[in-house]
Amino acid sequence: MAAAQKPGDARTAKVIALYTDPTAHRGAPAGHPNTDGFGRPSAEVTPIHEGIDLHDEPSPPVTPVRSSPLFSLGGIRGAIADSLIATSGFIRERMTGDYCVDEFGFDPHFVESVWFPAVRQVYEKWFRVEVSGIENLPAEGAGLLVANHAGSIPIDAVITSLAVRDNHPGERYLRILAADMAFETPVVGDLARRIGATLACNDDAEALLRRGELTAVWPEGYKGIGKLYKDRYKLQRFGRGGFVTTALRTGAPIIPVSIVGSEEIYPMVADLKPLARTLGLPYFPVTPLFPWLGPLGVIPLPSKWHIHFGAPIRTDGYDDAAADDPMVVFDLTDHVREEIQQTLFRMLSRRGSVYLG
C-alpha cells in the first residue's frame, strides 16, 4: 500500500510542477483594495445576531491547522527545499519576463513565488491560524471584507490575505486597502503594491469591486492597531462609512470578518505620544519586550489565531440614492460594526489558551 502523501509533500510537488512545466499558467487577477460607510437595513440584510453563536451552537467548523513543529528538523528541511525550488523558478521566469503586473502594481508571480511561501511559515507554525466561515465568501465576483484591526503593526491584513488564498475553494486573491503611510514609506510602499494592496480611497476600492475582486478594509485604521492592550477587542469608530458607500454603489456584499489573536502579538501597554509626534508617527508603542530588547522586541508573540468570515450582508437591494443618504450609510455601518463586535465576544467566550494549543 502506498504511503499517504503529506501536505508538505503535495505542496512541494505542486511547486516543482509549476516551475518545470512550461505550459503552466498563472493568470494575473485584476484588482486593488480599501474604504468605509451607513444604512437602513432592508429585508435582505442579515440580522445582527445571525452569525456564529458560540454559546448555544456547536463550535463553527474550522480549517484544521497543519501541526508541524516550528523548529523540527524535517520542517526546516522542507522549508529550505521549497524555498530553493521556488527561488530558482522565480529567478528564471523573472529573467525571461514570464510574468505580468496589473495597473495597481499587483504581481501574482512575486506573491506566489516569494511572498506567500515566506508568510505561510509564520501563518501555519507561529500563529497556527484556524479559519471558519470560508463558505461565506463569494465563489466568484466582488465582495467587500470588513475586519477588526489590531496588533501595533498591521500583520492582520497579511495573515487574512493568505487565509483567503489558502482556504477559498477557488484560491482567490484578497486585495487590501491600506493607509497612505504604507505607500509613503520606502521599500514598504513598493512591497505593498506588489502583494496586492492599494490606497484606501473610494476610487480604488470601487474600481476593484467593479472588476469582481475580493477587497478588504480595516476601517478602524490607526485607532485600531494603536489602541492599548486594556482595550483589546473593543472596536474603535469605523470612520465615516466610506466602505459602505462603495459597497452600495457597486452592489457588492459586505462580509464581516472577526479576527482573534492579533491583539496579543504586541501587547501595547503605553503609547509615547510626544516621541510619536517627533517621529511623525500616529503612535509609538511600548510593549513588554519593545523597546527594551531592541530588535528582538519586534518579534511578534506566538498567539493562536482564529479568523471567522461572517454571513454576507447584501447591498444590492438598495436603490441608487442609498449611497448618498447619510442615514442609510450610518445605519449600515453601525450594523456591520455591531456584527463584528458581537462575533468577537462570542469567539472570546469560547477561546482556550492565548499562546498554547
Protein backbone atom coordinates (compact mmCIF):
# COMPACT_ATOMS: atom_id res chain seq x y z
CA MET A 1 0.00 0.00 0.00
CA ALA A 2 1.40 3.40 -0.92
CA ALA A 3 2.18 5.76 1.93
CA ALA A 4 -0.23 8.65 2.42
CA GLN A 5 1.08 11.86 0.95
CA LYS A 6 1.79 14.60 3.46
CA PRO A 7 0.51 18.17 2.87
CA GLY A 8 4.08 19.44 2.66
CA ASP A 9 4.91 16.83 0.02
CA ALA A 10 1.89 17.83 -2.02
CA ARG A 11 2.89 21.49 -1.91
CA THR A 12 6.48 20.67 -2.91
CA ALA A 13 5.23 18.56 -5.84
CA LYS A 14 2.94 21.39 -6.88
CA VAL A 15 5.79 23.90 -6.79
CA ILE A 16 8.04 21.59 -8.81
CA ALA A 17 5.33 21.08 -11.42
CA LEU A 18 4.69 24.80 -11.56
CA TYR A 19 8.26 25.64 -12.46
CA THR A 20 9.17 22.66 -14.63
CA ASP A 21 6.05 22.61 -16.82
CA PRO A 22 6.43 25.35 -19.46
CA THR A 23 2.68 25.22 -20.15
CA ALA A 24 1.77 26.05 -16.56
CA HIS A 25 -0.26 29.22 -16.43
CA ARG A 26 -0.54 31.73 -13.65
CA GLY A 27 -3.11 34.34 -14.51
CA ALA A 28 -2.72 37.78 -13.01
CA PRO A 29 -6.00 38.66 -11.31
CA ALA A 30 -7.11 42.20 -11.68
CA GLY A 31 -7.70 44.17 -8.58
CA HIS A 32 -6.91 46.66 -5.93
CA PRO A 33 -8.19 47.30 -2.20
CA ASN A 34 -9.92 49.77 0.66
CA THR A 35 -12.82 52.16 2.04
CA ASP A 36 -15.78 52.66 4.70
CA GLY A 37 -19.94 53.52 5.23
CA PHE A 38 -24.03 53.52 6.73
CA GLY A 39 -27.61 52.11 6.04
CA ARG A 40 -31.17 51.33 6.91
CA PRO A 41 -31.21 47.52 6.67
CA SER A 42 -33.71 46.17 4.16
CA ALA A 43 -35.40 42.78 4.42
CA GLU A 44 -32.40 41.27 2.65
CA VAL A 45 -29.89 42.44 5.22
CA THR A 46 -28.59 39.74 7.54
CA PRO A 47 -29.79 40.26 11.15
CA ILE A 48 -27.03 41.22 13.56
CA HIS A 49 -27.17 38.02 15.58
CA GLU A 50 -27.37 35.67 12.62
CA GLY A 51 -23.65 34.89 12.72
CA ILE A 52 -21.96 32.10 14.60
CA ASP A 53 -23.33 31.52 18.08
CA LEU A 54 -20.56 30.17 20.24
CA HIS A 55 -22.80 29.79 23.28
CA ASP A 56 -25.79 27.74 22.12
CA GLU A 57 -24.46 26.16 18.95
CA PRO A 58 -21.55 23.81 18.35
CA SER A 59 -18.26 25.50 17.60
CA PRO A 60 -18.09 26.63 13.96
CA PRO A 61 -16.22 24.33 11.59
CA VAL A 62 -12.64 25.44 11.30
CA THR A 63 -9.93 24.66 8.83
CA PRO A 64 -7.53 22.23 10.51
CA VAL A 65 -4.12 23.66 11.30
CA ARG A 66 -1.18 21.85 9.81
CA SER A 67 0.64 20.97 13.00
CA SER A 68 4.33 20.73 12.18
CA PRO A 69 6.71 21.94 14.89
CA LEU A 70 8.29 25.28 14.09
CA PHE A 71 11.84 24.13 14.76
CA SER A 72 11.62 20.45 13.76
CA LEU A 73 14.46 19.19 11.55
CA GLY A 74 12.02 17.85 8.98
CA GLY A 75 10.13 21.12 8.88
CA ILE A 76 13.33 23.10 8.38
CA ARG A 77 14.49 20.80 5.59
CA GLY A 78 11.13 21.00 3.86
CA ALA A 79 11.03 24.78 4.14
CA ILE A 80 14.57 25.08 2.72
CA ALA A 81 13.74 22.74 -0.16
CA ASP A 82 10.55 24.60 -1.01
CA SER A 83 12.38 27.91 -0.80
CA LEU A 84 15.20 26.81 -3.11
CA ILE A 85 12.79 25.39 -5.69
CA ALA A 86 10.57 28.47 -5.63
CA THR A 87 13.52 30.87 -5.74
CA SER A 88 15.18 29.17 -8.71
CA GLY A 89 11.91 29.18 -10.64
CA PHE A 90 11.23 32.78 -9.68
CA ILE A 91 14.64 33.99 -10.91
CA ARG A 92 14.38 32.04 -14.16
CA GLU A 93 10.94 33.40 -15.00
CA ARG A 94 11.82 36.97 -13.99
CA MET A 95 14.76 36.83 -16.38
CA THR A 96 12.57 35.59 -19.24
CA GLY A 97 9.81 38.10 -18.46
CA ASP A 98 7.23 35.33 -17.98
CA TYR A 99 5.04 37.29 -15.57
CA CYS A 100 2.69 40.25 -15.55
CA VAL A 101 1.73 43.09 -13.22
CA ASP A 102 -1.62 44.89 -13.22
CA GLU A 103 -2.16 48.65 -13.25
CA PHE A 104 -2.19 48.81 -9.46
CA GLY A 105 1.21 47.12 -9.21
CA PHE A 106 -0.08 43.69 -8.12
CA ASP A 107 2.47 41.00 -9.01
CA PRO A 108 0.99 37.48 -8.60
CA HIS A 109 4.26 35.88 -9.71
CA PHE A 110 6.15 37.53 -6.85
CA VAL A 111 3.34 36.76 -4.39
CA GLU A 112 3.21 33.04 -5.20
CA SER A 113 6.96 32.51 -5.55
CA VAL A 114 8.35 34.64 -2.74
CA TRP A 115 5.78 36.35 -0.51
CA PHE A 116 3.25 33.63 0.34
CA PRO A 117 5.86 30.87 0.89
CA ALA A 118 7.56 33.09 3.48
CA VAL A 119 4.34 34.23 5.18
CA ARG A 120 2.96 30.68 5.20
CA GLN A 121 5.67 29.55 7.61
CA VAL A 122 4.54 32.15 10.16
CA TYR A 123 0.85 31.55 9.39
CA GLU A 124 0.99 27.79 9.96
CA LYS A 125 3.70 27.34 12.58
CA TRP A 126 3.83 30.55 14.60
CA PHE A 127 0.23 31.81 14.68
CA ARG A 128 -1.36 28.38 13.89
CA VAL A 129 -4.28 30.09 12.19
CA GLU A 130 -7.72 28.48 12.21
CA VAL A 131 -10.33 29.63 9.70
CA SER A 132 -14.11 29.30 9.79
CA GLY A 133 -16.92 30.63 7.61
CA ILE A 134 -14.89 30.49 4.38
CA GLU A 135 -18.08 29.36 2.63
CA ASN A 136 -19.46 32.87 3.21
CA LEU A 137 -17.02 34.34 0.69
CA PRO A 138 -18.34 34.64 -2.88
CA ALA A 139 -17.22 31.82 -5.17
CA GLU A 140 -16.72 34.49 -7.82
CA GLY A 141 -17.42 38.18 -8.23
CA ALA A 142 -16.97 41.09 -5.87
CA GLY A 143 -17.07 41.04 -2.10
CA LEU A 144 -16.04 43.67 0.45
CA LEU A 145 -14.47 42.16 3.57
CA VAL A 146 -14.58 44.39 6.67
CA ALA A 147 -12.45 43.36 9.66
CA ASN A 148 -11.34 44.45 13.12
CA HIS A 149 -7.81 45.88 13.28
CA ALA A 150 -5.14 45.31 15.95
CA GLY A 151 -1.54 44.45 16.68
CA SER A 152 0.55 47.67 16.65
CA ILE A 153 1.79 46.55 13.21
CA PRO A 154 -0.88 45.63 10.62
CA ILE A 155 0.11 41.97 10.34
CA ASP A 156 -3.58 41.00 10.41
CA ALA A 157 -4.03 42.21 6.82
CA VAL A 158 -1.23 39.95 5.57
CA ILE A 159 -2.47 36.92 7.53
CA THR A 160 -6.07 37.41 6.35
CA SER A 161 -4.89 37.64 2.76
CA LEU A 162 -3.17 34.26 2.99
CA ALA A 163 -6.16 32.77 4.84
CA VAL A 164 -8.36 33.60 1.86
CA ARG A 165 -5.88 32.34 -0.72
CA ASP A 166 -5.20 29.02 1.05
CA ASN A 167 -8.76 28.21 2.15
CA HIS A 168 -11.08 29.53 -0.55
CA PRO A 169 -12.13 26.69 -2.90
CA GLY A 170 -11.28 28.94 -5.84
CA GLU A 171 -7.94 30.04 -4.31
CA ARG A 172 -8.95 33.68 -4.73
CA TYR A 173 -6.68 36.63 -4.01
CA LEU A 174 -7.62 39.29 -1.48
CA ARG A 175 -6.88 42.90 -2.43
CA ILE A 176 -6.02 45.01 0.61
CA LEU A 177 -6.93 48.68 1.08
CA ALA A 178 -4.07 50.28 3.01
CA ALA A 179 -3.36 53.66 4.61
CA ASP A 180 -1.35 56.42 2.94
CA MET A 181 1.65 55.87 5.22
CA ALA A 182 2.26 52.41 3.79
CA PHE A 183 2.86 53.87 0.32
CA GLU A 184 4.88 56.81 1.59
CA THR A 185 7.42 54.54 3.33
CA PRO A 186 10.44 53.49 1.23
CA VAL A 187 10.54 49.78 0.35
CA VAL A 188 7.27 49.14 2.22
CA GLY A 189 5.28 51.07 -0.40
CA ASP A 190 6.67 49.06 -3.30
CA LEU A 191 6.18 45.77 -1.44
CA ALA A 192 2.58 46.70 -0.57
CA ARG A 193 1.78 47.30 -4.24
CA ARG A 194 3.41 44.05 -5.29
CA ILE A 195 1.38 41.93 -2.85
CA GLY A 196 -1.92 43.44 -3.96
CA ALA A 197 -2.51 46.42 -1.67
CA THR A 198 -3.67 49.79 -2.87
CA LEU A 199 -4.62 53.14 -1.40
CA ALA A 200 -7.67 53.14 0.87
CA CYS A 201 -9.77 55.55 -1.18
CA ASN A 202 -13.21 55.33 -2.75
CA ASP A 203 -11.96 55.40 -6.34
CA ASP A 204 -9.56 52.47 -5.97
CA ALA A 205 -11.97 50.43 -3.87
CA GLU A 206 -14.81 50.96 -6.34
CA ALA A 207 -12.56 50.05 -9.28
CA LEU A 208 -11.59 46.77 -7.62
CA LEU A 209 -15.15 45.82 -6.73
CA ARG A 210 -16.45 46.60 -10.22
CA ARG A 211 -13.79 44.24 -11.56
CA GLY A 212 -15.16 41.50 -9.31
CA GLU A 213 -12.31 41.43 -6.81
CA LEU A 214 -12.43 40.31 -3.19
CA THR A 215 -11.39 43.53 -1.45
CA ALA A 216 -10.66 44.07 2.25
CA VAL A 217 -10.76 47.11 4.51
CA TRP A 218 -9.90 47.64 8.17
CA PRO A 219 -11.99 50.77 8.92
CA GLU A 220 -10.67 51.29 12.46
CA GLY A 221 -7.39 52.39 10.89
CA TYR A 222 -4.66 53.60 13.25
CA LYS A 223 -7.18 53.81 16.10
CA GLY A 224 -7.47 50.02 15.94
CA ILE A 225 -3.85 48.93 15.66
CA GLY A 226 -2.66 51.67 18.03
CA LYS A 227 -5.01 51.01 20.95
CA LEU A 228 -3.77 49.87 24.34
CA TYR A 229 -3.91 46.25 25.44
CA LYS A 230 -6.51 47.07 28.09
CA ASP A 231 -8.88 47.98 25.23
CA ARG A 232 -8.26 44.79 23.26
CA TYR A 233 -11.13 43.53 21.11
CA LYS A 234 -13.15 46.69 21.72
CA LEU A 235 -13.84 48.09 18.28
CA GLN A 236 -12.99 51.72 17.67
CA ARG A 237 -15.03 54.07 15.47
CA PHE A 238 -15.46 52.91 11.86
CA GLY A 239 -14.62 56.22 10.24
CA ARG A 240 -17.32 57.97 8.21
CA GLY A 241 -18.68 54.92 6.45
CA GLY A 242 -16.80 55.19 3.17
CA PHE A 243 -16.68 51.39 2.79
CA VAL A 244 -20.47 51.17 2.95
CA THR A 245 -20.84 53.91 0.35
CA THR A 246 -18.58 51.99 -2.01
CA ALA A 247 -20.42 48.71 -1.39
CA LEU A 248 -23.79 50.39 -2.08
CA ARG A 249 -22.55 51.95 -5.32
CA THR A 250 -21.22 48.64 -6.62
CA GLY A 251 -23.84 46.32 -5.13
CA ALA A 252 -21.08 44.22 -3.56
CA PRO A 253 -21.95 42.15 -0.46
CA ILE A 254 -20.23 43.12 2.80
CA ILE A 255 -18.60 40.22 4.66
CA PRO A 256 -17.88 40.95 8.35
CA VAL A 257 -14.56 39.43 9.41
CA SER A 258 -13.70 38.79 13.07
CA ILE A 259 -10.07 38.14 13.98
CA VAL A 260 -8.99 36.80 17.37
CA GLY A 261 -5.28 36.54 18.17
CA SER A 262 -3.96 39.73 16.60
CA GLU A 263 -4.31 41.74 19.83
CA GLU A 264 -1.75 39.59 21.65
CA ILE A 265 1.19 39.67 19.24
CA TYR A 266 2.40 43.04 20.60
CA PRO A 267 0.57 43.79 23.89
CA MET A 268 0.72 47.59 23.86
CA VAL A 269 0.91 48.85 27.45
CA ALA A 270 1.74 52.50 26.67
CA ASP A 271 1.88 54.99 23.82
CA LEU A 272 4.71 57.54 23.86
CA LYS A 273 2.77 60.31 22.08
CA PRO A 274 5.49 63.03 22.29
CA LEU A 275 8.01 60.68 20.69
CA ALA A 276 5.43 59.62 18.10
CA ARG A 277 4.82 63.27 17.12
CA THR A 278 8.56 63.88 16.85
CA LEU A 279 8.97 60.89 14.54
CA GLY A 280 5.84 61.71 12.56
CA LEU A 281 4.09 58.50 13.60
CA PRO A 282 0.44 58.02 14.63
CA TYR A 283 1.63 56.31 17.84
CA PHE A 284 4.79 54.84 19.40
CA PRO A 285 4.04 51.53 21.11
CA VAL A 286 5.62 50.29 24.32
CA THR A 287 5.21 46.56 24.89
CA PRO A 288 6.66 44.17 27.49
CA LEU A 289 9.51 43.48 25.02
CA PHE A 290 9.82 46.68 22.97
CA PRO A 291 11.89 48.86 23.05
CA TRP A 292 13.66 47.12 25.97
CA LEU A 293 15.02 44.21 23.90
CA GLY A 294 15.86 46.26 20.84
CA PRO A 295 15.32 44.43 17.52
CA LEU A 296 14.30 41.25 19.38
CA GLY A 297 11.34 43.16 20.79
CA VAL A 298 9.89 43.43 17.28
CA ILE A 299 9.38 39.65 17.03
CA PRO A 300 5.62 39.07 17.48
CA LEU A 301 4.49 36.79 20.29
CA PRO A 302 3.12 33.41 19.07
CA SER A 303 -0.56 33.93 19.83
CA LYS A 304 -3.02 31.43 18.34
CA TRP A 305 -5.32 32.99 15.73
CA HIS A 306 -8.88 32.32 14.65
CA ILE A 307 -10.35 34.16 11.65
CA HIS A 308 -14.11 33.95 11.09
CA PHE A 309 -15.80 35.13 7.89
CA GLY A 310 -19.37 36.07 8.73
CA ALA A 311 -22.57 35.80 6.72
CA PRO A 312 -22.70 38.29 3.82
CA ILE A 313 -24.75 41.45 4.23
CA ARG A 314 -26.30 42.20 0.86
CA THR A 315 -26.35 45.72 -0.57
CA ASP A 316 -27.87 45.09 -3.99
CA GLY A 317 -31.39 45.56 -2.61
CA TYR A 318 -30.91 49.30 -2.03
CA ASP A 319 -31.86 51.93 -4.61
CA ASP A 320 -29.34 54.13 -6.42
CA ALA A 321 -29.80 57.03 -3.99
CA ALA A 322 -28.87 54.97 -0.90
CA ALA A 323 -25.13 55.64 -1.22
CA ASP A 324 -25.78 59.39 -0.85
CA ASP A 325 -28.19 59.07 2.08
CA PRO A 326 -26.28 59.75 5.35
CA MET A 327 -28.79 57.83 7.46
CA VAL A 328 -28.61 54.71 5.28
CA VAL A 329 -24.82 54.82 5.38
CA PHE A 330 -24.75 55.39 9.15
CA ASP A 331 -27.21 52.59 9.93
CA LEU A 332 -25.48 50.02 7.76
CA THR A 333 -22.04 50.96 9.08
CA ASP A 334 -23.28 50.52 12.64
CA HIS A 335 -24.85 47.19 11.69
CA VAL A 336 -21.55 45.86 10.28
CA ARG A 337 -19.59 47.11 13.29
CA GLU A 338 -22.01 45.52 15.75
CA GLU A 339 -21.92 42.20 13.88
CA ILE A 340 -18.13 42.06 14.14
CA GLN A 341 -18.11 43.14 17.79
CA GLN A 342 -20.69 40.59 18.92
CA THR A 343 -18.95 37.82 16.99
CA LEU A 344 -15.64 38.73 18.66
CA PHE A 345 -17.26 38.49 22.10
CA ARG A 346 -18.71 35.06 21.28
CA MET A 347 -15.38 33.80 19.94
CA LEU A 348 -13.52 35.07 23.00
CA SER A 349 -16.01 33.39 25.34
CA ARG A 350 -15.05 30.00 23.87
CA ARG A 351 -11.38 30.70 23.45
CA GLY A 352 -8.77 28.45 25.02
CA SER A 353 -5.17 29.38 25.74
CA VAL A 354 -3.91 32.57 24.10
CA TYR A 355 -0.46 31.19 23.26
CA LEU A 356 -0.79 27.41 23.54
CA GLY A 357 -2.75 24.89 21.54
